[in-house]
Amino acid sequence: MEIVGKAKEDVSLPKATMTKIIKEMLPAHVRVTRDAQDLLVECCVEFINLISSESNDICYKEEKRTIAPEHVLESLKILGFGSYIREVKAAYEQHRIENWVVLTF
């Protein structure tokens, strides 16, 4: 997938953060090779690119210039990830609550 303004090799996620997430999601006795971690990171980047691209297409069709949460949710539905929408909405609400609390203090 083409990434606007970036070479594919230049786009990644922080390895330490991804390693922490991977370890937190698995039982303590499970080990993950470096190659498997790298593959998971690449899959996450590709997923983000896919959702971002579809969200941008939706935004463009609506003649909007800014991708909004509803564009992301619609892209999940279009791309066949509709079963995740409930969890994504809950995570987004939690994010909004946490950031609102931080901004008000």
PDB file of N, CA and C in Angstrom:
ATOM      1  N   MET A   1       0.843  -1.173   0.000  1.00  0.00           N
ATOM      2  CA  MET A   1       0.000   0.000   0.000  1.00  0.00           C
ATOM      3  C   MET A   1       0.890   1.238   0.000  1.00  0.00           C
ATOM      4  N   GLU A   2       0.564   2.180  -0.840  1.00  0.00           N
ATOM      5  CA  GLU A   2       1.344   3.407  -0.935  1.00  0.00           C
ATOM      6  C   GLU A   2       0.995   4.337   0.230  1.00  0.00           C
ATOM      7  N   ILE A   3       2.017   4.909   0.813  1.00  0.00           N
ATOM      8  CA  ILE A   3       1.845   5.840   1.924  1.00  0.00           C
ATOM      9  C   ILE A   3       2.271   7.205   1.429  1.00  0.00           C
ATOM     10  N   VAL A   4       1.353   8.153   1.472  1.00  0.00           N
ATOM     11  CA  VAL A   4       1.601   9.476   0.920  1.00  0.00           C
ATOM     12  C   VAL A   4       2.785  10.137   1.616  1.00  0.00           C
ATOM     13  N   GLY A   5       3.783  10.540   0.822  1.00  0.00           N
ATOM     14  CA  GLY A   5       4.917  11.291   1.348  1.00  0.00           C
ATOM     15  C   GLY A   5       5.937  10.482   2.121  1.00  0.00           C
ATOM     16  N   LYS A   6       5.777   9.181   2.210  1.00  0.00           N
ATOM     17  CA  LYS A   6       6.707   8.353   2.980  1.00  0.00           C
ATOM     18  C   LYS A   6       7.043   7.089   2.214  1.00  0.00           C
ATOM     19  N   ALA A   7       8.265   6.647   2.359  1.00  0.00           N
ATOM     20  CA  ALA A   7       8.619   5.328   1.865  1.00  0.00           C
ATOM     21  C   ALA A   7       8.069   4.318   2.871  1.00  0.00           C
ATOM     22  N   LYS A   8       7.646   3.180   2.396  1.00  0.00           N
ATOM     23  CA  LYS A   8       7.056   2.176   3.282  1.00  0.00           C
ATOM     24  C   LYS A   8       7.986   1.831   4.451  1.00  0.00           C
ATOM     25  N   GLU A   9       9.299   1.834   4.196  1.00  0.00           N
ATOM     26  CA  GLU A   9      10.257   1.501   5.254  1.00  0.00           C
ATOM     27  C   GLU A   9      10.308   2.552   6.356  1.00  0.00           C
ATOM     28  N   ASP A  10       9.872   3.788   6.046  1.00  0.00           N
ATOM     29  CA  ASP A  10       9.935   4.881   7.015  1.00  0.00           C
ATOM     30  C   ASP A  10       8.768   4.882   7.998  1.00  0.00           C
ATOM     31  N   VAL A  11       7.747   4.062   7.735  1.00  0.00           N
ATOM     32  CA  VAL A  11       6.541   4.068   8.558  1.00  0.00           C
ATOM     33  C   VAL A  11       6.546   2.836   9.443  1.00  0.00           C
ATOM     34  N   SER A  12       6.445   3.057  10.749  1.00  0.00           N
ATOM     35  CA  SER A  12       6.399   1.947  11.685  1.00  0.00           C
ATOM     36  C   SER A  12       5.725   2.404  12.964  1.00  0.00           C
ATOM     37  N   LEU A  13       5.675   1.520  13.920  1.00  0.00           N
ATOM     38  CA  LEU A  13       5.172   1.820  15.257  1.00  0.00           C
ATOM     39  C   LEU A  13       6.320   1.615  16.232  1.00  0.00           C
ATOM     40  N   PRO A  14       6.294   2.297  17.361  1.00  0.00           N
ATOM     41  CA  PRO A  14       7.385   2.138  18.342  1.00  0.00           C
ATOM     42  C   PRO A  14       7.508   0.683  18.803  1.00  0.00           C
ATOM     43  N   LYS A  15       8.690   0.118  18.579  1.00  0.00           N
ATOM     44  CA  LYS A  15       8.897  -1.297  18.893  1.00  0.00           C
ATOM     45  C   LYS A  15       8.706  -1.612  20.374  1.00  0.00           C
ATOM     46  N   ALA A  16       9.188  -0.741  21.248  1.00  0.00           N
ATOM     47  CA  ALA A  16       9.051  -0.998  22.681  1.00  0.00           C
ATOM     48  C   ALA A  16       7.580  -1.032  23.085  1.00  0.00           C
ATOM     49  N   THR A  17       6.811  -0.115  22.557  1.00  0.00           N
ATOM     50  CA  THR A  17       5.385  -0.074  22.869  1.00  0.00           C
ATOM     51  C   THR A  17       4.683  -1.310  22.331  1.00  0.00           C
ATOM     52  N   MET A  18       5.000  -1.679  21.111  1.00  0.00           N
ATOM     53  CA  MET A  18       4.377  -2.861  20.514  1.00  0.00           C
ATOM     54  C   MET A  18       4.768  -4.131  21.272  1.00  0.00           C
ATOM     55  N   THR A  19       6.010  -4.238  21.680  1.00  0.00           N
ATOM     56  CA  THR A  19       6.460  -5.397  22.456  1.00  0.00           C
ATOM     57  C   THR A  19       5.685  -5.484  23.764  1.00  0.00           C
ATOM     58  N   LYS A  20       5.497  -4.355  24.417  1.00  0.00           N
ATOM     59  CA  LYS A  20       4.745  -4.321  25.674  1.00  0.00           C
ATOM     60  C   LYS A  20       3.301  -4.764  25.447  1.00  0.00           C
ATOM     61  N   ILE A  21       2.661  -4.253  24.397  1.00  0.00           N
ATOM     62  CA  ILE A  21       1.275  -4.627  24.096  1.00  0.00           C
ATOM     63  C   ILE A  21       1.181  -6.125  23.816  1.00  0.00           C
ATOM     64  N   ILE A  22       2.090  -6.630  23.010  1.00  0.00           N
ATOM     65  CA  ILE A  22       2.080  -8.058  22.665  1.00  0.00           C
ATOM     66  C   ILE A  22       2.224  -8.898  23.931  1.00  0.00           C
ATOM     67  N   LYS A  23       3.163  -8.556  24.791  1.00  0.00           N
ATOM     68  CA  LYS A  23       3.388  -9.322  26.019  1.00  0.00           C
ATOM     69  C   LYS A  23       2.190  -9.250  26.956  1.00  0.00           C
ATOM     70  N   GLU A  24       1.534  -8.089  27.023  1.00  0.00           N
ATOM     71  CA  GLU A  24       0.377  -7.935  27.903  1.00  0.00           C
ATOM     72  C   GLU A  24      -0.822  -8.750  27.414  1.00  0.00           C
ATOM     73  N   MET A  25      -0.888  -9.019  26.115  1.00  0.00           N
ATOM     74  CA  MET A  25      -2.025  -9.723  25.543  1.00  0.00           C
ATOM     75  C   MET A  25      -1.893 -11.248  25.634  1.00  0.00           C
ATOM     76  N   LEU A  26      -0.695 -11.732  25.913  1.00  0.00           N
ATOM     77  CA  LEU A  26      -0.451 -13.170  25.918  1.00  0.00           C
ATOM     78  C   LEU A  26      -0.219 -13.688  27.329  1.00  0.00           C
ATOM     79  N   PRO A  27      -0.479 -14.976  27.547  1.00  0.00           N
ATOM     80  CA  PRO A  27      -0.157 -15.566  28.852  1.00  0.00           C
ATOM     81  C   PRO A  27       1.343 -15.456  29.130  1.00  0.00           C
ATOM     82  N   ALA A  28       1.713 -15.402  30.403  1.00  0.00           N
ATOM     83  CA  ALA A  28       3.101 -15.190  30.809  1.00  0.00           C
ATOM     84  C   ALA A  28       4.051 -16.268  30.271  1.00  0.00           C
ATOM     85  N   HIS A  29       3.563 -17.474  30.081  1.00  0.00           N
ATOM     86  CA  HIS A  29       4.441 -18.565  29.640  1.00  0.00           C
ATOM     87  C   HIS A  29       4.679 -18.581  28.127  1.00  0.00           C
ATOM     88  N   VAL A  30       4.012 -17.725  27.396  1.00  0.00           N
ATOM     89  CA  VAL A  30       4.161 -17.705  25.931  1.00  0.00           C
ATOM     90  C   VAL A  30       5.276 -16.749  25.537  1.00  0.00           C
ATOM     91  N   ARG A  31       6.160 -17.223  24.697  1.00  0.00           N
ATOM     92  CA  ARG A  31       7.244 -16.393  24.174  1.00  0.00           C
ATOM     93  C   ARG A  31       6.964 -16.085  22.715  1.00  0.00           C
ATOM     94  N   VAL A  32       7.456 -14.935  22.266  1.00  0.00           N
ATOM     95  CA  VAL A  32       7.257 -14.510  20.883  1.00  0.00           C
ATOM     96  C   VAL A  32       8.620 -14.185  20.292  1.00  0.00           C
ATOM     97  N   THR A  33       8.930 -14.780  19.156  1.00  0.00           N
ATOM     98  CA  THR A  33      10.216 -14.511  18.525  1.00  0.00           C
ATOM     99  C   THR A  33      10.252 -13.078  18.002  1.00  0.00           C
ATOM    100  N   ARG A  34      11.443 -12.586  17.778  1.00  0.00           N
ATOM    101  CA  ARG A  34      11.631 -11.232  17.223  1.00  0.00           C
ATOM    102  C   ARG A  34      10.976 -11.130  15.850  1.00  0.00           C
ATOM    103  N   ASP A  35      11.119 -12.191  15.035  1.00  0.00           N
ATOM    104  CA  ASP A  35      10.496 -12.183  13.708  1.00  0.00           C
ATOM    105  C   ASP A  35       8.974 -12.099  13.814  1.00  0.00           C
ATOM    106  N   ALA A  36       8.394 -12.812  14.765  1.00  0.00           N
ATOM    107  CA  ALA A  36       6.940 -12.771  14.956  1.00  0.00           C
ATOM    108  C   ALA A  36       6.500 -11.378  15.431  1.00  0.00           C
ATOM    109  N   GLN A  37       7.288 -10.776  16.322  1.00  0.00           N
ATOM    110  CA  GLN A  37       6.979  -9.415  16.774  1.00  0.00           C
ATOM    111  C   GLN A  37       7.037  -8.437  15.604  1.00  0.00           C
ATOM    112  N   ASP A  38       8.066  -8.555  14.784  1.00  0.00           N
ATOM    113  CA  ASP A  38       8.197  -7.680  13.614  1.00  0.00           C
ATOM    114  C   ASP A  38       7.011  -7.868  12.665  1.00  0.00           C
ATOM    115  N   LEU A  39       6.594  -9.114  12.475  1.00  0.00           N
ATOM    116  CA  LEU A  39       5.457  -9.391  11.606  1.00  0.00           C
ATOM    117  C   LEU A  39       4.177  -8.772  12.166  1.00  0.00           C
ATOM    118  N   LEU A  40       3.978  -8.896  13.471  1.00  0.00           N
ATOM    119  CA  LEU A  40       2.802  -8.283  14.104  1.00  0.00           C
ATOM    120  C   LEU A  40       2.807  -6.766  13.932  1.00  0.00           C
ATOM    121  N   VAL A  41       3.962  -6.145  14.089  1.00  0.00           N
ATOM    122  CA  VAL A  41       4.078  -4.700  13.899  1.00  0.00           C
ATOM    123  C   VAL A  41       3.725  -4.329  12.460  1.00  0.00           C
ATOM    124  N   GLU A  42       4.250  -5.084  11.497  1.00  0.00           N
ATOM    125  CA  GLU A  42       3.950  -4.813  10.088  1.00  0.00           C
ATOM    126  C   GLU A  42       2.464  -4.989   9.799  1.00  0.00           C
ATOM    127  N   CYS A  43       1.834  -5.991  10.408  1.00  0.00           N
ATOM    128  CA  CYS A  43       0.394  -6.200  10.232  1.00  0.00           C
ATOM    129  C   CYS A  43      -0.397  -5.016  10.804  1.00  0.00           C
ATOM    130  N   CYS A  44       0.020  -4.523  11.953  1.00  0.00           N
ATOM    131  CA  CYS A  44      -0.646  -3.371  12.568  1.00  0.00           C
ATOM    132  C   CYS A  44      -0.516  -2.124  11.697  1.00  0.00           C
ATOM    133  N   VAL A  45       0.659  -1.895  11.169  1.00  0.00           N
ATOM    134  CA  VAL A  45       0.882  -0.741  10.293  1.00  0.00           C
ATOM    135  C   VAL A  45       0.005  -0.869   9.047  1.00  0.00           C
ATOM    136  N   GLU A  46      -0.040  -2.056   8.468  1.00  0.00           N
ATOM    137  CA  GLU A  46      -0.856  -2.281   7.273  1.00  0.00           C
ATOM    138  C   GLU A  46      -2.339  -2.072   7.582  1.00  0.00           C
ATOM    139  N   PHE A  47      -2.779  -2.541   8.737  1.00  0.00           N
ATOM    140  CA  PHE A  47      -4.185  -2.364   9.147  1.00  0.00           C
ATOM    141  C   PHE A  47      -4.505  -0.879   9.298  1.00  0.00           C
ATOM    142  N   ILE A  48      -3.630  -0.142   9.939  1.00  0.00           N
ATOM    143  CA  ILE A  48      -3.834   1.301  10.106  1.00  0.00           C
ATOM    144  C   ILE A  48      -3.878   1.991   8.747  1.00  0.00           C
ATOM    145  N   ASN A  49      -2.982   1.614   7.846  1.00  0.00           N
ATOM    146  CA  ASN A  49      -2.984   2.189   6.503  1.00  0.00           C
ATOM    147  C   ASN A  49      -4.282   1.883   5.765  1.00  0.00           C
ATOM    148  N   LEU A  50      -4.762   0.655   5.883  1.00  0.00           N
ATOM    149  CA  LEU A  50      -5.995   0.240   5.227  1.00  0.00           C
ATOM    150  C   LEU A  50      -7.187   1.052   5.742  1.00  0.00           C
ATOM    151  N   ILE A  51      -7.320   1.146   7.052  1.00  0.00           N
ATOM    152  CA  ILE A  51      -8.435   1.890   7.656  1.00  0.00           C
ATOM    153  C   ILE A  51      -8.316   3.374   7.322  1.00  0.00           C
ATOM    154  N   SER A  52      -7.107   3.908   7.380  1.00  0.00           N
ATOM    155  CA  SER A  52      -6.902   5.330   7.068  1.00  0.00           C
ATOM    156  C   SER A  52      -7.265   5.642   5.627  1.00  0.00           C
ATOM    157  N   SER A  53      -6.858   4.781   4.718  1.00  0.00           N
ATOM    158  CA  SER A  53      -7.146   4.995   3.312  1.00  0.00           C
ATOM    159  C   SER A  53      -8.647   4.960   3.040  1.00  0.00           C
ATOM    160  N   GLU A  54      -9.316   3.968   3.595  1.00  0.00           N
ATOM    161  CA  GLU A  54     -10.765   3.860   3.401  1.00  0.00           C
ATOM    162  C   GLU A  54     -11.491   5.039   4.059  1.00  0.00           C
ATOM    163  N   SER A  55     -11.034   5.444   5.232  1.00  0.00           N
ATOM    164  CA  SER A  55     -11.626   6.603   5.917  1.00  0.00           C
ATOM    165  C   SER A  55     -11.454   7.862   5.078  1.00  0.00           C
ATOM    166  N   ASN A  56     -10.291   7.998   4.472  1.00  0.00           N
ATOM    167  CA  ASN A  56     -10.031   9.140   3.605  1.00  0.00           C
ATOM    168  C   ASN A  56     -10.953   9.129   2.386  1.00  0.00           C
ATOM    169  N   ASP A  57     -11.173   7.952   1.806  1.00  0.00           N
ATOM    170  CA  ASP A  57     -12.086   7.839   0.663  1.00  0.00           C
ATOM    171  C   ASP A  57     -13.503   8.262   1.050  1.00  0.00           C
ATOM    172  N   ILE A  58     -13.954   7.821   2.203  1.00  0.00           N
ATOM    173  CA  ILE A  58     -15.289   8.186   2.685  1.00  0.00           C
ATOM    174  C   ILE A  58     -15.376   9.691   2.887  1.00  0.00           C
ATOM    175  N   CYS A  59     -14.367  10.233   3.522  1.00  0.00           N
ATOM    176  CA  CYS A  59     -14.288  11.668   3.777  1.00  0.00           C
ATOM    177  C   CYS A  59     -14.341  12.445   2.459  1.00  0.00           C
ATOM    178  N   TYR A  60     -13.588  11.996   1.476  1.00  0.00           N
ATOM    179  CA  TYR A  60     -13.531  12.656   0.171  1.00  0.00           C
ATOM    180  C   TYR A  60     -14.902  12.630  -0.508  1.00  0.00           C
ATOM    181  N   LYS A  61     -15.574  11.471  -0.454  1.00  0.00           N
ATOM    182  CA  LYS A  61     -16.890  11.335  -1.076  1.00  0.00           C
ATOM    183  C   LYS A  61     -17.917  12.263  -0.423  1.00  0.00           C
ATOM    184  N   GLU A  62     -17.729  12.539   0.864  1.00  0.00           N
ATOM    185  CA  GLU A  62     -18.631  13.448   1.581  1.00  0.00           C
ATOM    186  C   GLU A  62     -18.195  14.904   1.447  1.00  0.00           C
ATOM    187  N   GLU A  63     -17.152  15.122   0.663  1.00  0.00           N
ATOM    188  CA  GLU A  63     -16.592  16.454   0.444  1.00  0.00           C
ATOM    189  C   GLU A  63     -16.167  17.116   1.758  1.00  0.00           C
ATOM    190  N   LYS A  64     -15.608  16.312   2.632  1.00  0.00           N
ATOM    191  CA  LYS A  64     -15.055  16.797   3.902  1.00  0.00           C
ATOM    192  C   LYS A  64     -13.543  16.830   3.774  1.00  0.00           C
ATOM    193  N   ARG A  65     -12.928  17.646   4.601  1.00  0.00           N
ATOM    194  CA  ARG A  65     -11.473  17.757   4.561  1.00  0.00           C
ATOM    195  C   ARG A  65     -10.801  17.129   5.768  1.00  0.00           C
ATOM    196  N   THR A  66     -11.591  16.736   6.755  1.00  0.00           N
ATOM    197  CA  THR A  66     -11.045  16.163   7.977  1.00  0.00           C
ATOM    198  C   THR A  66     -11.703  14.817   8.260  1.00  0.00           C
ATOM    199  N   ILE A  67     -10.885  13.799   8.481  1.00  0.00           N
ATOM    200  CA  ILE A  67     -11.412  12.485   8.839  1.00  0.00           C
ATOM    201  C   ILE A  67     -11.919  12.546  10.267  1.00  0.00           C
ATOM    202  N   ALA A  68     -13.166  12.148  10.455  1.00  0.00           N
ATOM    203  CA  ALA A  68     -13.815  12.152  11.772  1.00  0.00           C
ATOM    204  C   ALA A  68     -14.016  10.709  12.239  1.00  0.00           C
ATOM    205  N   PRO A  69     -14.288  10.527  13.529  1.00  0.00           N
ATOM    206  CA  PRO A  69     -14.500   9.168  14.039  1.00  0.00           C
ATOM    207  C   PRO A  69     -15.553   8.375  13.256  1.00  0.00           C
ATOM    208  N   GLU A  70     -16.617   9.042  12.811  1.00  0.00           N
ATOM    209  CA  GLU A  70     -17.648   8.313  12.067  1.00  0.00           C
ATOM    210  C   GLU A  70     -17.118   7.786  10.734  1.00  0.00           C
ATOM    211  N   HIS A  71     -16.126   8.456  10.151  1.00  0.00           N
ATOM    212  CA  HIS A  71     -15.507   7.952   8.924  1.00  0.00           C
ATOM    213  C   HIS A  71     -14.723   6.671   9.211  1.00  0.00           C
ATOM    214  N   VAL A  72     -14.034   6.650  10.326  1.00  0.00           N
ATOM    215  CA  VAL A  72     -13.267   5.456  10.719  1.00  0.00           C
ATOM    216  C   VAL A  72     -14.213   4.293  10.990  1.00  0.00           C
ATOM    217  N   LEU A  73     -15.299   4.560  11.705  1.00  0.00           N
ATOM    218  CA  LEU A  73     -16.273   3.500  11.999  1.00  0.00           C
ATOM    219  C   LEU A  73     -16.900   2.960  10.714  1.00  0.00           C
ATOM    220  N   GLU A  74     -17.237   3.835   9.799  1.00  0.00           N
ATOM    221  CA  GLU A  74     -17.807   3.411   8.523  1.00  0.00           C
ATOM    222  C   GLU A  74     -16.793   2.585   7.726  1.00  0.00           C
ATOM    223  N   SER A  75     -15.522   2.982   7.779  1.00  0.00           N
ATOM    224  CA  SER A  75     -14.503   2.220   7.054  1.00  0.00           C
ATOM    225  C   SER A  75     -14.359   0.815   7.624  1.00  0.00           C
ATOM    226  N   LEU A  76     -14.464   0.678   8.941  1.00  0.00           N
ATOM    227  CA  LEU A  76     -14.417  -0.657   9.548  1.00  0.00           C
ATOM    228  C   LEU A  76     -15.552  -1.523   9.006  1.00  0.00           C
ATOM    229  N   LYS A  77     -16.732  -0.930   8.920  1.00  0.00           N
ATOM    230  CA  LYS A  77     -17.899  -1.655   8.414  1.00  0.00           C
ATOM    231  C   LYS A  77     -17.689  -2.069   6.953  1.00  0.00           C
ATOM    232  N   ILE A  78     -17.265  -1.139   6.121  1.00  0.00           N
ATOM    233  CA  ILE A  78     -17.060  -1.405   4.688  1.00  0.00           C
ATOM    234  C   ILE A  78     -16.021  -2.487   4.463  1.00  0.00           C
ATOM    235  N   LEU A  79     -14.955  -2.465   5.252  1.00  0.00           N
ATOM    236  CA  LEU A  79     -13.849  -3.404   5.064  1.00  0.00           C
ATOM    237  C   LEU A  79     -14.080  -4.761   5.730  1.00  0.00           C
ATOM    238  N   GLY A  80     -15.250  -4.950   6.307  1.00  0.00           N
ATOM    239  CA  GLY A  80     -15.573  -6.247   6.895  1.00  0.00           C
ATOM    240  C   GLY A  80     -15.181  -6.410   8.353  1.00  0.00           C
ATOM    241  N   PHE A  81     -14.912  -5.307   9.029  1.00  0.00           N
ATOM    242  CA  PHE A  81     -14.556  -5.363  10.444  1.00  0.00           C
ATOM    243  C   PHE A  81     -15.683  -4.829  11.328  1.00  0.00           C
ATOM    244  N   GLY A  82     -16.913  -4.960  10.845  1.00  0.00           N
ATOM    245  CA  GLY A  82     -18.072  -4.451  11.578  1.00  0.00           C
ATOM    246  C   GLY A  82     -18.211  -5.028  12.976  1.00  0.00           C
ATOM    247  N   SER A  83     -17.728  -6.243  13.173  1.00  0.00           N
ATOM    248  CA  SER A  83     -17.833  -6.871  14.498  1.00  0.00           C
ATOM    249  C   SER A  83     -16.973  -6.162  15.545  1.00  0.00           C
ATOM    250  N   TYR A  84     -16.056  -5.306  15.101  1.00  0.00           N
ATOM    251  CA  TYR A  84     -15.198  -4.577  16.037  1.00  0.00           C
ATOM    252  C   TYR A  84     -15.771  -3.223  16.433  1.00  0.00           C
ATOM    253  N   ILE A  85     -16.821  -2.787  15.768  1.00  0.00           N
ATOM    254  CA  ILE A  85     -17.313  -1.425  15.967  1.00  0.00           C
ATOM    255  C   ILE A  85     -17.719  -1.161  17.414  1.00  0.00           C
ATOM    256  N   ARG A  86     -18.387  -2.086  18.050  1.00  0.00           N
ATOM    257  CA  ARG A  86     -18.811  -1.884  19.441  1.00  0.00           C
ATOM    258  C   ARG A  86     -17.600  -1.648  20.351  1.00  0.00           C
ATOM    259  N   GLU A  87     -16.571  -2.472  20.200  1.00  0.00           N
ATOM    260  CA  GLU A  87     -15.362  -2.318  21.022  1.00  0.00           C
ATOM    261  C   GLU A  87     -14.623  -1.027  20.700  1.00  0.00           C
ATOM    262  N   VAL A  88     -14.587  -0.659  19.420  1.00  0.00           N
ATOM    263  CA  VAL A  88     -13.915   0.577  19.018  1.00  0.00           C
ATOM    264  C   VAL A  88     -14.647   1.786  19.598  1.00  0.00           C
ATOM    265  N   LYS A  89     -15.977   1.764  19.553  1.00  0.00           N
ATOM    266  CA  LYS A  89     -16.759   2.871  20.132  1.00  0.00           C
ATOM    267  C   LYS A  89     -16.502   2.984  21.634  1.00  0.00           C
ATOM    268  N   ALA A  90     -16.457   1.850  22.314  1.00  0.00           N
ATOM    269  CA  ALA A  90     -16.205   1.854  23.760  1.00  0.00           C
ATOM    270  C   ALA A  90     -14.809   2.402  24.063  1.00  0.00           C
ATOM    271  N   ALA A  91     -13.816   1.986  23.285  1.00  0.00           N
ATOM    272  CA  ALA A  91     -12.449   2.481  23.490  1.00  0.00           C
ATOM    273  C   ALA A  91     -12.377   3.980  23.206  1.00  0.00           C
ATOM    274  N   TYR A  92     -13.078   4.426  22.184  1.00  0.00           N
ATOM    275  CA  TYR A  92     -13.090   5.857  21.846  1.00  0.00           C
ATOM    276  C   TYR A  92     -13.748   6.666  22.966  1.00  0.00           C
ATOM    277  N   GLU A  93     -14.851   6.171  23.491  1.00  0.00           N
ATOM    278  CA  GLU A  93     -15.520   6.870  24.603  1.00  0.00           C
ATOM    279  C   GLU A  93     -14.592   6.948  25.812  1.00  0.00           C
ATOM    280  N   GLN A  94     -13.917   5.852  26.118  1.00  0.00           N
ATOM    281  CA  GLN A  94     -12.986   5.836  27.248  1.00  0.00           C
ATOM    282  C   GLN A  94     -11.859   6.844  27.007  1.00  0.00           C
ATOM    283  N   HIS A  95     -11.355   6.894  25.800  1.00  0.00           N
ATOM    284  CA  HIS A  95     -10.303   7.844  25.438  1.00  0.00           C
ATOM    285  C   HIS A  95     -10.787   9.281  25.644  1.00  0.00           C
ATOM    286  N   ARG A  96     -12.000   9.554  25.185  1.00  0.00           N
ATOM    287  CA  ARG A  96     -12.561  10.903  25.335  1.00  0.00           C
ATOM    288  C   ARG A  96     -12.705  11.272  26.809  1.00  0.00           C
ATOM    289  N   ILE A  97     -13.185  10.341  27.608  1.00  0.00           N
ATOM    290  CA  ILE A  97     -13.359  10.600  29.044  1.00  0.00           C
ATOM    291  C   ILE A  97     -12.018  10.870  29.696  1.00  0.00           C
ATOM    292  N   GLU A  98     -11.025  10.033  29.410  1.00  0.00           N
ATOM    293  CA  GLU A  98      -9.699  10.209  30.008  1.00  0.00           C
ATOM    294  C   GLU A  98      -9.072  11.513  29.588  1.00  0.00           C
ATOM    295  N   ASN A  99      -9.199  11.890  28.338  1.00  0.00           N
ATOM    296  CA  ASN A  99      -8.617  13.149  27.882  1.00  0.00           C
ATOM    297  C   ASN A  99      -9.373  14.355  28.390  1.00  0.00           C
ATOM    298  N   TRP A 100     -10.677  14.236  28.542  1.00  0.00           N
ATOM    299  CA  TRP A 100     -11.462  15.340  29.097  1.00  0.00           C
ATOM    300  C   TRP A 100     -11.048  15.603  30.541  1.00  0.00           C
ATOM    301  N   VAL A 101     -10.840  14.529  31.307  1.00  0.00           N
ATOM    302  CA  VAL A 101     -10.408  14.673  32.699  1.00  0.00           C
ATOM    303  C   VAL A 101      -9.049  15.350  32.750  1.00  0.00           C
ATOM    304  N   VAL A 102      -8.127  14.930  31.885  1.00  0.00           N
ATOM    305  CA  VAL A 102      -6.780  15.509  31.855  1.00  0.00           C
ATOM    306  C   VAL A 102      -6.856  16.987  31.481  1.00  0.00           C
ATOM    307  N   LEU A 103      -7.673  17.352  30.524  1.00  0.00           N
ATOM    308  CA  LEU A 103      -7.768  18.735  30.054  1.00  0.00           C
ATOM    309  C   LEU A 103      -8.428  19.649  31.077  1.00  0.00           C
ATOM    310  N   THR A 104      -9.260  19.124  31.949  1.00  0.00           N
ATOM    311  CA  THR A 104      -9.973  19.970  32.891  1.00  0.00           C
ATOM    312  C   THR A 104      -9.199  20.226  34.185  1.00  0.00           C
ATOM    313  N   PHE A 105      -8.095  19.538  34.373  1.00  0.00           N
ATOM    314  CA  PHE A 105      -7.304  19.755  35.603  1.00  0.00           C
ATOM    315  C   PHE A 105      -6.057  20.547  35.348  1.00  0.00           C
TER     316      PHE A 105
END
